[in-house]
Amino acid sequence: MPPQKGGDGIKPPPIIGRFGTSLKIGIVGLPNVGKSTFFNVLTNSQASAENFPFCTIDPNESRVPVPDERFDFLSSKIPAFLNVVDIAGLVKGAHNGQGLGNAFLSHFSACDGIFHLTRAFEDDDITHVEESVDPIRDIEIIHEELQGGDKKLKPEYDIMCKVKSWVIDQKNLFIEVLNKHLFLTSKPMVYLVNLSEKDYIRKKNKWLIKIKEWVDKYDPGALVIPFSGALELKLQELSAEERQQYLEANMTQSALPKIIKAGFAALQLKYFFTAGPDEVCARIIRKGTKAPQAAGKIHTDFEKGFIMAEVMKYEDFKEEGSENAVKAAGKYRQQGRNYIVEDKK
């Protein structure tokens, strides 16, 4: 069967941000909203999480496997990973020197996406740096600080605005110019709303609708994901059997798999599987990557000598039971140089 040309005419949208696949997503928020607790339960780490502002000074960094039920079926040994960074809390006026000042904005610049974590739970034992719980106010404070951190780049920003029409026309040469500046406000955000365990289980909180309305207005298209740091911490301390029983008894589930997948997607990352008799490996690529460059993720020689790619869908493999059976069913495909690699079940 000759290579198919189905993807030859598809032009992927431009990607704003650093090129490559070794990307990081940072956890941003005010002090004492649950960032370090979230980092710990997400990455199974032991970063300090205390009841006082600026408990985190130096950023904590770890990586977490991207959950995918296909791994269990394929017996994969090498999953895809999401690199996560827990960054010191920002306070109002940080870009002007308040709190720990703006030195930590460089930590945000080093990240390619943001988990914007805000607090929507009441707890008299956990202080709030603004002395009250108001997640809308807190979200606006963080956005103001990130915008303030970009102000020193205002002259360059004005120049960049002049190439906006070129960006809209998807001329990647000019996008590369923009990408060099790593503007804080251009980074994709996933909004995480930290609820009490009770509110998360019953799926009710007075702030959720207001937060969604704010995000839809000021950051349209961004995801808002409720979770409970308290619940996730409790689940982490239980055995696998106890955890399952607790979730079933409360008719709920952990939000971490959804959050990890959302962060991975926000970084414009995807992956494909390579399979052999001894190992299945998830190969991380950027969205829009074509077959030769994807082959280069396996070995550089594969990109240089690329002729065609042989591909099959996971669902076809699962249904037919083997690679030979997929071929016999006519579901095996050969793709040419312009094939854009998919990640479809």
C-alpha atoms as a PDB file:
ATOM      1  CA  MET A   1       0.000   0.000   0.000  1.00  0.00           C
ATOM      2  CA  PRO A   2       1.541   3.367  -1.000  1.00  0.00           C
ATOM      3  CA  PRO A   3       1.957   6.079   1.647  1.00  0.00           C
ATOM      4  CA  GLN A   4      -1.269   7.983   2.228  1.00  0.00           C
ATOM      5  CA  LYS A   5      -1.421  11.712   1.663  1.00  0.00           C
ATOM      6  CA  GLY A   6      -4.398  12.480   3.851  1.00  0.00           C
ATOM      7  CA  GLY A   7      -2.504  14.966   6.000  1.00  0.00           C
ATOM      8  CA  ASP A   8      -0.537  16.688   3.240  1.00  0.00           C
ATOM      9  CA  GLY A   9      -2.836  19.694   2.973  1.00  0.00           C
ATOM     10  CA  ILE A  10      -3.331  20.279   6.689  1.00  0.00           C
ATOM     11  CA  LYS A  11      -1.461  23.250   8.074  1.00  0.00           C
ATOM     12  CA  PRO A  12      -1.157  23.124  11.889  1.00  0.00           C
ATOM     13  CA  PRO A  13      -1.727  26.341  13.848  1.00  0.00           C
ATOM     14  CA  PRO A  14       1.350  28.166  15.158  1.00  0.00           C
ATOM     15  CA  ILE A  15       2.620  27.318  18.625  1.00  0.00           C
ATOM     16  CA  ILE A  16       3.550  30.211  20.911  1.00  0.00           C
ATOM     17  CA  GLY A  17       6.293  29.224  23.361  1.00  0.00           C
ATOM     18  CA  ARG A  18       9.595  27.401  23.389  1.00  0.00           C
ATOM     19  CA  PHE A  19      10.098  24.698  20.813  1.00  0.00           C
ATOM     20  CA  GLY A  20      10.964  21.213  21.990  1.00  0.00           C
ATOM     21  CA  THR A  21       9.445  18.624  24.302  1.00  0.00           C
ATOM     22  CA  SER A  22      11.413  19.200  27.532  1.00  0.00           C
ATOM     23  CA  LEU A  23       8.826  21.688  28.774  1.00  0.00           C
ATOM     24  CA  LYS A  24       7.694  22.528  32.308  1.00  0.00           C
ATOM     25  CA  ILE A  25       4.464  23.701  33.891  1.00  0.00           C
ATOM     26  CA  GLY A  26       4.679  25.893  37.004  1.00  0.00           C
ATOM     27  CA  ILE A  27       2.235  26.095  39.906  1.00  0.00           C
ATOM     28  CA  VAL A  28       1.272  29.734  40.513  1.00  0.00           C
ATOM     29  CA  GLY A  29      -0.853  31.298  43.237  1.00  0.00           C
ATOM     30  CA  LEU A  30      -0.906  33.397  46.379  1.00  0.00           C
ATOM     31  CA  PRO A  31       0.742  32.030  49.545  1.00  0.00           C
ATOM     32  CA  ASN A  32      -1.241  29.469  51.578  1.00  0.00           C
ATOM     33  CA  VAL A  33      -3.647  28.439  48.834  1.00  0.00           C
ATOM     34  CA  GLY A  34      -2.371  24.851  48.755  1.00  0.00           C
ATOM     35  CA  LYS A  35       0.328  24.934  46.051  1.00  0.00           C
ATOM     36  CA  SER A  36       2.898  22.801  47.872  1.00  0.00           C
ATOM     37  CA  THR A  37       0.239  20.358  49.089  1.00  0.00           C
ATOM     38  CA  PHE A  38      -0.964  20.019  45.492  1.00  0.00           C
ATOM     39  CA  PHE A  39       2.629  19.558  44.293  1.00  0.00           C
ATOM     40  CA  ASN A  40       3.203  16.833  46.886  1.00  0.00           C
ATOM     41  CA  VAL A  41       0.086  14.820  46.067  1.00  0.00           C
ATOM     42  CA  LEU A  42       0.607  15.279  42.327  1.00  0.00           C
ATOM     43  CA  THR A  43       4.235  14.136  42.314  1.00  0.00           C
ATOM     44  CA  ASN A  44       4.274  12.010  45.491  1.00  0.00           C
ATOM     45  CA  SER A  45       6.929  14.349  46.913  1.00  0.00           C
ATOM     46  CA  GLN A  46       7.645  15.726  50.385  1.00  0.00           C
ATOM     47  CA  ALA A  47       8.078  19.454  49.733  1.00  0.00           C
ATOM     48  CA  SER A  48       7.546  21.596  52.822  1.00  0.00           C
ATOM     49  CA  ALA A  49       3.888  22.693  53.145  1.00  0.00           C
ATOM     50  CA  GLU A  50       3.461  24.840  56.258  1.00  0.00           C
ATOM     51  CA  ASN A  51       0.819  27.269  57.513  1.00  0.00           C
ATOM     52  CA  PHE A  52       2.737  30.488  56.888  1.00  0.00           C
ATOM     53  CA  PRO A  53       3.466  32.622  53.817  1.00  0.00           C
ATOM     54  CA  PHE A  54       6.584  31.954  51.717  1.00  0.00           C
ATOM     55  CA  CYS A  55       7.083  28.443  53.062  1.00  0.00           C
ATOM     56  CA  THR A  56       8.481  27.745  49.580  1.00  0.00           C
ATOM     57  CA  ILE A  57      11.441  29.894  48.541  1.00  0.00           C
ATOM     58  CA  ASP A  58      13.496  27.823  46.119  1.00  0.00           C
ATOM     59  CA  PRO A  59      11.221  26.152  43.566  1.00  0.00           C
ATOM     60  CA  ASN A  60      10.604  22.422  43.899  1.00  0.00           C
ATOM     61  CA  GLU A  61      10.649  20.450  40.679  1.00  0.00           C
ATOM     62  CA  SER A  62       9.586  16.913  39.870  1.00  0.00           C
ATOM     63  CA  ARG A  63       7.938  14.945  37.111  1.00  0.00           C
ATOM     64  CA  VAL A  64       4.774  12.881  37.072  1.00  0.00           C
ATOM     65  CA  PRO A  65       3.708  10.118  34.663  1.00  0.00           C
ATOM     66  CA  VAL A  66       0.859  11.050  32.338  1.00  0.00           C
ATOM     67  CA  PRO A  67      -1.966   8.584  33.147  1.00  0.00           C
ATOM     68  CA  ASP A  68      -3.181   6.513  30.209  1.00  0.00           C
ATOM     69  CA  GLU A  69      -5.213   3.315  30.449  1.00  0.00           C
ATOM     70  CA  ARG A  70      -3.557   2.125  27.229  1.00  0.00           C
ATOM     71  CA  PHE A  71      -0.316   1.533  29.148  1.00  0.00           C
ATOM     72  CA  ASP A  72      -1.852  -1.272  31.190  1.00  0.00           C
ATOM     73  CA  PHE A  73      -3.031  -3.051  28.066  1.00  0.00           C
ATOM     74  CA  LEU A  74       0.291  -2.583  26.277  1.00  0.00           C
ATOM     75  CA  SER A  75       2.396  -3.370  29.384  1.00  0.00           C
ATOM     76  CA  SER A  76       4.347  -0.172  28.799  1.00  0.00           C
ATOM     77  CA  LYS A  77       7.457   0.434  30.851  1.00  0.00           C
ATOM     78  CA  ILE A  78       8.238   3.993  29.759  1.00  0.00           C
ATOM     79  CA  PRO A  79       5.269   6.410  30.043  1.00  0.00           C
ATOM     80  CA  ALA A  80       5.196  10.053  29.060  1.00  0.00           C
ATOM     81  CA  PHE A  81       6.049  12.491  31.864  1.00  0.00           C
ATOM     82  CA  LEU A  82       4.857  15.981  32.812  1.00  0.00           C
ATOM     83  CA  ASN A  83       7.507  18.185  34.469  1.00  0.00           C
ATOM     84  CA  VAL A  84       5.967  20.207  37.318  1.00  0.00           C
ATOM     85  CA  VAL A  85       7.501  23.102  39.296  1.00  0.00           C
ATOM     86  CA  ASP A  86       6.237  24.369  42.682  1.00  0.00           C
ATOM     87  CA  ILE A  87       7.085  28.094  42.813  1.00  0.00           C
ATOM     88  CA  ALA A  88       7.063  30.547  45.725  1.00  0.00           C
ATOM     89  CA  GLY A  89       3.748  32.333  46.269  1.00  0.00           C
ATOM     90  CA  LEU A  90       3.188  35.771  44.766  1.00  0.00           C
ATOM     91  CA  VAL A  91       1.585  38.569  46.771  1.00  0.00           C
ATOM     92  CA  LYS A  92      -0.005  41.819  45.688  1.00  0.00           C
ATOM     93  CA  GLY A  93       2.726  44.274  44.678  1.00  0.00           C
ATOM     94  CA  ALA A  94       5.408  41.606  44.217  1.00  0.00           C
ATOM     95  CA  HIS A  95       6.570  43.126  40.917  1.00  0.00           C
ATOM     96  CA  ASN A  96       7.227  46.352  42.887  1.00  0.00           C
ATOM     97  CA  GLY A  97       9.179  44.582  45.626  1.00  0.00           C
ATOM     98  CA  GLN A  98       6.436  43.493  48.058  1.00  0.00           C
ATOM     99  CA  GLY A  99       6.705  40.120  49.805  1.00  0.00           C
ATOM    100  CA  LEU A 100       9.656  38.271  48.314  1.00  0.00           C
ATOM    101  CA  GLY A 101       9.775  40.765  45.464  1.00  0.00           C
ATOM    102  CA  ASN A 102       9.929  40.011  41.765  1.00  0.00           C
ATOM    103  CA  ALA A 103      13.064  37.863  41.819  1.00  0.00           C
ATOM    104  CA  PHE A 104      10.860  34.815  41.537  1.00  0.00           C
ATOM    105  CA  LEU A 105       9.308  35.980  38.281  1.00  0.00           C
ATOM    106  CA  SER A 106      12.350  34.402  36.629  1.00  0.00           C
ATOM    107  CA  HIS A 107      11.081  31.051  37.910  1.00  0.00           C
ATOM    108  CA  PHE A 108       7.826  31.650  36.053  1.00  0.00           C
ATOM    109  CA  SER A 109       9.737  32.655  32.926  1.00  0.00           C
ATOM    110  CA  ALA A 110      11.533  29.308  33.009  1.00  0.00           C
ATOM    111  CA  CYS A 111       8.189  27.497  32.784  1.00  0.00           C
ATOM    112  CA  ASP A 112       6.210  26.975  29.613  1.00  0.00           C
ATOM    113  CA  GLY A 113       2.734  26.742  31.105  1.00  0.00           C
ATOM    114  CA  ILE A 114       0.998  27.554  34.380  1.00  0.00           C
ATOM    115  CA  PHE A 115      -1.212  25.728  36.835  1.00  0.00           C
ATOM    116  CA  HIS A 116      -2.937  28.761  38.381  1.00  0.00           C
ATOM    117  CA  LEU A 117      -4.075  27.488  41.777  1.00  0.00           C
ATOM    118  CA  THR A 118      -6.578  29.459  43.813  1.00  0.00           C
ATOM    119  CA  ARG A 119      -8.203  28.795  47.180  1.00  0.00           C
ATOM    120  CA  ALA A 120     -11.976  28.421  47.534  1.00  0.00           C
ATOM    121  CA  PHE A 121     -12.197  26.776  50.959  1.00  0.00           C
ATOM    122  CA  GLU A 122     -12.658  28.257  54.431  1.00  0.00           C
ATOM    123  CA  ASP A 123     -10.368  27.088  57.245  1.00  0.00           C
ATOM    124  CA  ASP A 124      -9.649  29.209  60.311  1.00  0.00           C
ATOM    125  CA  ASP A 125      -6.504  27.180  60.953  1.00  0.00           C
ATOM    126  CA  ILE A 126      -4.977  28.109  57.587  1.00  0.00           C
ATOM    127  CA  THR A 127      -4.237  31.810  57.264  1.00  0.00           C
ATOM    128  CA  HIS A 128      -4.873  33.724  54.052  1.00  0.00           C
ATOM    129  CA  VAL A 129      -2.377  36.408  53.062  1.00  0.00           C
ATOM    130  CA  GLU A 130      -5.290  38.737  52.131  1.00  0.00           C
ATOM    131  CA  GLU A 131      -7.133  37.825  55.385  1.00  0.00           C
ATOM    132  CA  SER A 132     -10.233  36.513  53.565  1.00  0.00           C
ATOM    133  CA  VAL A 133     -11.163  33.905  50.969  1.00  0.00           C
ATOM    134  CA  ASP A 134     -12.003  35.506  47.619  1.00  0.00           C
ATOM    135  CA  PRO A 135     -10.638  33.509  44.666  1.00  0.00           C
ATOM    136  CA  ILE A 136     -11.713  36.086  42.061  1.00  0.00           C
ATOM    137  CA  ARG A 137      -9.643  38.755  43.823  1.00  0.00           C
ATOM    138  CA  ASP A 138      -6.746  36.317  44.142  1.00  0.00           C
ATOM    139  CA  ILE A 139      -6.826  35.401  40.447  1.00  0.00           C
ATOM    140  CA  GLU A 140      -6.777  39.085  39.503  1.00  0.00           C
ATOM    141  CA  ILE A 141      -3.808  39.722  41.816  1.00  0.00           C
ATOM    142  CA  ILE A 142      -1.780  36.988  40.114  1.00  0.00           C
ATOM    143  CA  HIS A 143      -2.643  38.305  36.648  1.00  0.00           C
ATOM    144  CA  GLU A 144      -1.657  41.834  37.691  1.00  0.00           C
ATOM    145  CA  GLU A 145       1.693  40.605  38.996  1.00  0.00           C
ATOM    146  CA  LEU A 146       2.455  38.650  35.834  1.00  0.00           C
ATOM    147  CA  GLN A 147       1.519  41.661  33.711  1.00  0.00           C
ATOM    148  CA  GLY A 148       3.675  43.880  35.919  1.00  0.00           C
ATOM    149  CA  GLY A 149       6.602  41.535  35.412  1.00  0.00           C
ATOM    150  CA  ASP A 150       6.326  42.089  31.664  1.00  0.00           C
ATOM    151  CA  LYS A 151       6.259  45.904  31.902  1.00  0.00           C
ATOM    152  CA  LYS A 152      10.021  46.245  31.545  1.00  0.00           C
ATOM    153  CA  LEU A 153       9.600  44.626  28.139  1.00  0.00           C
ATOM    154  CA  LYS A 154       7.024  47.242  27.048  1.00  0.00           C
ATOM    155  CA  PRO A 155       9.165  48.733  24.233  1.00  0.00           C
ATOM    156  CA  GLU A 156       9.814  45.271  22.849  1.00  0.00           C
ATOM    157  CA  TYR A 157       6.145  44.372  23.283  1.00  0.00           C
ATOM    158  CA  ASP A 158       5.153  47.363  21.126  1.00  0.00           C
ATOM    159  CA  ILE A 159       7.426  46.057  18.391  1.00  0.00           C
ATOM    160  CA  MET A 160       5.986  42.579  18.728  1.00  0.00           C
ATOM    161  CA  CYS A 161       2.460  43.968  18.294  1.00  0.00           C
ATOM    162  CA  LYS A 162       3.479  45.096  14.818  1.00  0.00           C
ATOM    163  CA  VAL A 163       4.036  41.495  13.766  1.00  0.00           C
ATOM    164  CA  LYS A 164       0.633  40.388  15.048  1.00  0.00           C
ATOM    165  CA  SER A 165      -0.807  40.195  11.553  1.00  0.00           C
ATOM    166  CA  TRP A 166       2.069  37.954  10.519  1.00  0.00           C
ATOM    167  CA  VAL A 167       1.377  35.665  13.453  1.00  0.00           C
ATOM    168  CA  ILE A 168      -2.285  35.470  12.449  1.00  0.00           C
ATOM    169  CA  ASP A 169      -1.114  34.461   8.982  1.00  0.00           C
ATOM    170  CA  GLN A 170       0.846  31.642  10.666  1.00  0.00           C
ATOM    171  CA  LYS A 171       4.272  32.708   9.466  1.00  0.00           C
ATOM    172  CA  ASN A 172       6.483  30.734  11.821  1.00  0.00           C
ATOM    173  CA  LEU A 173       9.558  32.899  11.246  1.00  0.00           C
ATOM    174  CA  PHE A 174       7.968  35.720  13.218  1.00  0.00           C
ATOM    175  CA  ILE A 175       6.578  33.368  15.855  1.00  0.00           C
ATOM    176  CA  GLU A 176      10.167  32.307  16.581  1.00  0.00           C
ATOM    177  CA  VAL A 177      11.004  35.975  17.216  1.00  0.00           C
ATOM    178  CA  LEU A 178       8.138  36.219  19.717  1.00  0.00           C
ATOM    179  CA  ASN A 179       9.100  32.977  21.411  1.00  0.00           C
ATOM    180  CA  LYS A 180      12.528  34.319  22.389  1.00  0.00           C
ATOM    181  CA  HIS A 181      10.898  36.722  24.849  1.00  0.00           C
ATOM    182  CA  LEU A 182       8.980  34.138  26.917  1.00  0.00           C
ATOM    183  CA  PHE A 183       6.296  36.672  27.898  1.00  0.00           C
ATOM    184  CA  LEU A 184       4.721  35.652  31.205  1.00  0.00           C
ATOM    185  CA  THR A 185       1.263  36.622  30.002  1.00  0.00           C
ATOM    186  CA  SER A 186       1.523  34.493  26.852  1.00  0.00           C
ATOM    187  CA  LYS A 187       1.885  31.232  28.769  1.00  0.00           C
ATOM    188  CA  PRO A 188      -1.107  28.877  28.712  1.00  0.00           C
ATOM    189  CA  MET A 189      -2.956  28.598  32.037  1.00  0.00           C
ATOM    190  CA  VAL A 190      -4.999  25.844  33.620  1.00  0.00           C
ATOM    191  CA  TYR A 191      -7.026  27.182  36.569  1.00  0.00           C
ATOM    192  CA  LEU A 192      -7.150  24.838  39.575  1.00  0.00           C
ATOM    193  CA  VAL A 193      -9.722  25.614  42.282  1.00  0.00           C
ATOM    194  CA  ASN A 194      -8.803  24.132  45.664  1.00  0.00           C
ATOM    195  CA  LEU A 195     -12.031  23.148  47.467  1.00  0.00           C
ATOM    196  CA  SER A 196     -12.734  21.599  50.835  1.00  0.00           C
ATOM    197  CA  GLU A 197     -13.212  17.838  50.732  1.00  0.00           C
ATOM    198  CA  LYS A 198     -16.919  18.288  51.489  1.00  0.00           C
ATOM    199  CA  ASP A 199     -17.497  20.762  48.635  1.00  0.00           C
ATOM    200  CA  TYR A 200     -15.529  18.655  46.170  1.00  0.00           C
ATOM    201  CA  ILE A 201     -17.479  15.489  46.953  1.00  0.00           C
ATOM    202  CA  ARG A 202     -20.864  17.214  46.744  1.00  0.00           C
ATOM    203  CA  LYS A 203     -19.721  19.227  43.677  1.00  0.00           C
ATOM    204  CA  LYS A 204     -20.926  22.513  45.119  1.00  0.00           C
ATOM    205  CA  ASN A 205     -19.111  25.729  45.970  1.00  0.00           C
ATOM    206  CA  LYS A 206     -20.355  29.303  45.731  1.00  0.00           C
ATOM    207  CA  TRP A 207     -17.203  30.443  43.930  1.00  0.00           C
ATOM    208  CA  LEU A 208     -17.087  27.926  41.076  1.00  0.00           C
ATOM    209  CA  ILE A 209     -19.604  29.642  38.788  1.00  0.00           C
ATOM    210  CA  LYS A 210     -18.030  33.063  39.435  1.00  0.00           C
ATOM    211  CA  ILE A 211     -14.549  31.739  38.670  1.00  0.00           C
ATOM    212  CA  LYS A 212     -15.752  30.110  35.439  1.00  0.00           C
ATOM    213  CA  GLU A 213     -17.438  33.362  34.378  1.00  0.00           C
ATOM    214  CA  TRP A 214     -14.240  35.330  35.078  1.00  0.00           C
ATOM    215  CA  VAL A 215     -12.071  32.895  33.121  1.00  0.00           C
ATOM    216  CA  ASP A 216     -14.506  32.806  30.187  1.00  0.00           C
ATOM    217  CA  LYS A 217     -14.385  36.609  30.052  1.00  0.00           C
ATOM    218  CA  TYR A 218     -10.674  37.280  30.563  1.00  0.00           C
ATOM    219  CA  ASP A 219      -8.988  34.023  29.486  1.00  0.00           C
ATOM    220  CA  PRO A 220     -11.467  32.393  27.077  1.00  0.00           C
ATOM    221  CA  GLY A 221     -10.789  28.774  26.281  1.00  0.00           C
ATOM    222  CA  ALA A 222      -8.786  28.098  29.452  1.00  0.00           C
ATOM    223  CA  LEU A 223      -9.809  25.123  31.583  1.00  0.00           C
ATOM    224  CA  VAL A 224     -11.120  25.423  35.150  1.00  0.00           C
ATOM    225  CA  ILE A 225     -10.672  22.226  37.186  1.00  0.00           C
ATOM    226  CA  PRO A 226     -11.966  21.859  40.769  1.00  0.00           C
ATOM    227  CA  PHE A 227     -10.007  19.598  43.114  1.00  0.00           C
ATOM    228  CA  SER A 228      -9.475  19.128  46.838  1.00  0.00           C
ATOM    229  CA  GLY A 229      -5.955  19.150  48.216  1.00  0.00           C
ATOM    230  CA  ALA A 230      -7.288  17.807  51.513  1.00  0.00           C
ATOM    231  CA  LEU A 231      -8.952  14.852  49.793  1.00  0.00           C
ATOM    232  CA  GLU A 232      -5.937  14.083  47.614  1.00  0.00           C
ATOM    233  CA  LEU A 233      -3.674  14.155  50.678  1.00  0.00           C
ATOM    234  CA  LYS A 234      -6.006  11.752  52.487  1.00  0.00           C
ATOM    235  CA  LEU A 235      -6.090   9.400  49.497  1.00  0.00           C
ATOM    236  CA  GLN A 236      -2.311   9.396  49.297  1.00  0.00           C
ATOM    237  CA  GLU A 237      -2.101   8.102  52.876  1.00  0.00           C
ATOM    238  CA  LEU A 238      -4.453   5.153  52.196  1.00  0.00           C
ATOM    239  CA  SER A 239      -3.590   1.783  50.716  1.00  0.00           C
ATOM    240  CA  ALA A 240      -4.778   1.111  47.160  1.00  0.00           C
ATOM    241  CA  GLU A 241      -7.678  -1.006  48.425  1.00  0.00           C
ATOM    242  CA  GLU A 242      -8.694   1.525  51.083  1.00  0.00           C
ATOM    243  CA  ARG A 243      -8.459   4.331  48.538  1.00  0.00           C
ATOM    244  CA  GLN A 244     -10.805   2.571  46.144  1.00  0.00           C
ATOM    245  CA  GLN A 245     -13.281   1.811  48.929  1.00  0.00           C
ATOM    246  CA  TYR A 246     -13.249   5.439  50.114  1.00  0.00           C
ATOM    247  CA  LEU A 247     -13.846   6.792  46.609  1.00  0.00           C
ATOM    248  CA  GLU A 248     -16.677   4.352  45.950  1.00  0.00           C
ATOM    249  CA  ALA A 249     -18.313   5.074  49.310  1.00  0.00           C
ATOM    250  CA  ASN A 250     -18.287   8.816  48.571  1.00  0.00           C
ATOM    251  CA  MET A 251     -19.112   8.413  44.859  1.00  0.00           C
ATOM    252  CA  THR A 252     -16.162  10.556  43.816  1.00  0.00           C
ATOM    253  CA  GLN A 253     -12.759  10.245  42.165  1.00  0.00           C
ATOM    254  CA  SER A 254      -9.333  11.844  42.248  1.00  0.00           C
ATOM    255  CA  ALA A 255      -8.912  14.916  40.037  1.00  0.00           C
ATOM    256  CA  LEU A 256      -5.169  14.354  39.555  1.00  0.00           C
ATOM    257  CA  PRO A 257      -5.329  12.306  36.313  1.00  0.00           C
ATOM    258  CA  LYS A 258      -7.492  14.992  34.690  1.00  0.00           C
ATOM    259  CA  ILE A 259      -5.163  17.751  35.912  1.00  0.00           C
ATOM    260  CA  ILE A 260      -2.033  16.005  34.626  1.00  0.00           C
ATOM    261  CA  LYS A 261      -3.565  15.418  31.194  1.00  0.00           C
ATOM    262  CA  ALA A 262      -4.751  19.045  31.048  1.00  0.00           C
ATOM    263  CA  GLY A 263      -1.266  20.327  31.886  1.00  0.00           C
ATOM    264  CA  PHE A 264       0.303  18.087  29.249  1.00  0.00           C
ATOM    265  CA  ALA A 265      -2.156  19.315  26.616  1.00  0.00           C
ATOM    266  CA  ALA A 266      -1.662  22.968  27.639  1.00  0.00           C
ATOM    267  CA  LEU A 267       2.027  22.622  26.763  1.00  0.00           C
ATOM    268  CA  GLN A 268       0.986  21.524  23.242  1.00  0.00           C
ATOM    269  CA  LEU A 269       2.510  18.099  23.865  1.00  0.00           C
ATOM    270  CA  LYS A 270       1.303  14.703  22.704  1.00  0.00           C
ATOM    271  CA  TYR A 271       2.873  11.279  22.323  1.00  0.00           C
ATOM    272  CA  PHE A 272       2.840   8.156  20.222  1.00  0.00           C
ATOM    273  CA  PHE A 273       3.792   4.605  21.133  1.00  0.00           C
ATOM    274  CA  THR A 274       6.619   2.501  19.769  1.00  0.00           C
ATOM    275  CA  ALA A 275       6.225  -1.176  20.573  1.00  0.00           C
ATOM    276  CA  GLY A 276       8.582  -4.136  20.582  1.00  0.00           C
ATOM    277  CA  PRO A 277       8.594  -7.597  22.170  1.00  0.00           C
ATOM    278  CA  ASP A 278      10.171  -6.326  25.392  1.00  0.00           C
ATOM    279  CA  GLU A 279       9.127  -2.697  25.726  1.00  0.00           C
ATOM    280  CA  VAL A 280       6.472  -0.157  24.863  1.00  0.00           C
ATOM    281  CA  CYS A 281       7.639   3.458  24.975  1.00  0.00           C
ATOM    282  CA  ALA A 282       5.698   6.732  24.837  1.00  0.00           C
ATOM    283  CA  ARG A 283       7.553   9.199  22.590  1.00  0.00           C
ATOM    284  CA  ILE A 284       6.775  12.830  23.392  1.00  0.00           C
ATOM    285  CA  ILE A 285       6.332  15.260  20.497  1.00  0.00           C
ATOM    286  CA  ARG A 286       4.757  18.673  19.926  1.00  0.00           C
ATOM    287  CA  LYS A 287       1.318  18.913  18.357  1.00  0.00           C
ATOM    288  CA  GLY A 288       1.639  19.215  14.597  1.00  0.00           C
ATOM    289  CA  THR A 289       4.855  17.159  14.397  1.00  0.00           C
ATOM    290  CA  LYS A 290       5.268  15.366  11.076  1.00  0.00           C
ATOM    291  CA  ALA A 291       6.352  11.756  10.649  1.00  0.00           C
ATOM    292  CA  PRO A 292      10.092  12.337   9.906  1.00  0.00           C
ATOM    293  CA  GLN A 293      10.573  14.506  13.002  1.00  0.00           C
ATOM    294  CA  ALA A 294       8.608  12.010  15.105  1.00  0.00           C
ATOM    295  CA  ALA A 295      10.862   9.235  13.819  1.00  0.00           C
ATOM    296  CA  GLY A 296      13.812  11.335  14.957  1.00  0.00           C
ATOM    297  CA  LYS A 297      12.541  11.002  18.536  1.00  0.00           C
ATOM    298  CA  ILE A 298      13.303   7.291  18.272  1.00  0.00           C
ATOM    299  CA  HIS A 299      16.727   7.757  16.645  1.00  0.00           C
ATOM    300  CA  THR A 300      18.212  10.651  14.680  1.00  0.00           C
ATOM    301  CA  ASP A 301      19.130   8.302  11.825  1.00  0.00           C
ATOM    302  CA  PHE A 302      15.441   7.492  11.369  1.00  0.00           C
ATOM    303  CA  GLU A 303      14.705  11.127  10.552  1.00  0.00           C
ATOM    304  CA  LYS A 304      17.639  11.459   8.171  1.00  0.00           C
ATOM    305  CA  GLY A 305      16.754   8.308   6.238  1.00  0.00           C
ATOM    306  CA  PHE A 306      12.977   8.576   6.513  1.00  0.00           C
ATOM    307  CA  ILE A 307      10.976   6.954   3.715  1.00  0.00           C
ATOM    308  CA  MET A 308       7.611   6.215   5.276  1.00  0.00           C
ATOM    309  CA  ALA A 309       5.980   5.392   8.622  1.00  0.00           C
ATOM    310  CA  GLU A 310       3.902   2.322   9.380  1.00  0.00           C
ATOM    311  CA  VAL A 311       1.137   3.134  11.863  1.00  0.00           C
ATOM    312  CA  MET A 312      -1.913   1.579  13.462  1.00  0.00           C
ATOM    313  CA  LYS A 313      -4.468   2.898  15.908  1.00  0.00           C
ATOM    314  CA  TYR A 314      -4.533   1.631  19.471  1.00  0.00           C
ATOM    315  CA  GLU A 315      -8.213   0.659  19.282  1.00  0.00           C
ATOM    316  CA  ASP A 316      -7.560  -1.388  16.144  1.00  0.00           C
ATOM    317  CA  PHE A 317      -4.667  -3.175  17.856  1.00  0.00           C
ATOM    318  CA  LYS A 318      -6.772  -3.840  20.947  1.00  0.00           C
ATOM    319  CA  GLU A 319      -9.684  -5.128  18.881  1.00  0.00           C
ATOM    320  CA  GLU A 320      -7.653  -7.352  16.553  1.00  0.00           C
ATOM    321  CA  GLY A 321      -5.208  -8.615  19.198  1.00  0.00           C
ATOM    322  CA  SER A 322      -1.906  -8.441  17.314  1.00  0.00           C
ATOM    323  CA  GLU A 323       0.031  -6.471  14.724  1.00  0.00           C
ATOM    324  CA  ASN A 324      -0.381  -9.227  12.119  1.00  0.00           C
ATOM    325  CA  ALA A 325      -4.136  -9.312  12.734  1.00  0.00           C
ATOM    326  CA  VAL A 326      -4.342  -5.536  12.226  1.00  0.00           C
ATOM    327  CA  LYS A 327      -2.536  -5.946   8.900  1.00  0.00           C
ATOM    328  CA  ALA A 328      -4.825  -8.798   7.866  1.00  0.00           C
ATOM    329  CA  ALA A 329      -7.865  -6.638   8.658  1.00  0.00           C
ATOM    330  CA  GLY A 330      -6.564  -3.896   6.372  1.00  0.00           C
ATOM    331  CA  LYS A 331      -6.200  -1.408   9.225  1.00  0.00           C
ATOM    332  CA  TYR A 332      -2.415  -1.008   9.007  1.00  0.00           C
ATOM    333  CA  ARG A 333      -1.331   2.207   7.287  1.00  0.00           C
ATOM    334  CA  GLN A 334       1.765   3.544   5.570  1.00  0.00           C
ATOM    335  CA  GLN A 335       2.194   7.312   5.854  1.00  0.00           C
ATOM    336  CA  GLY A 336       4.471   9.696   3.975  1.00  0.00           C
ATOM    337  CA  ARG A 337       6.679  12.629   4.980  1.00  0.00           C
ATOM    338  CA  ASN A 338       3.800  15.086   5.410  1.00  0.00           C
ATOM    339  CA  TYR A 339       1.790  12.873   7.742  1.00  0.00           C
ATOM    340  CA  ILE A 340       1.040  14.687  11.011  1.00  0.00           C
ATOM    341  CA  VAL A 341       1.318  12.203  13.852  1.00  0.00           C
ATOM    342  CA  GLU A 342      -1.957  11.583  15.676  1.00  0.00           C
ATOM    343  CA  ASP A 343      -2.670  10.405  19.200  1.00  0.00           C
ATOM    344  CA  LYS A 344      -6.016   8.693  18.842  1.00  0.00           C
ATOM    345  CA  LYS A 345      -7.290   5.749  20.802  1.00  0.00           C
END
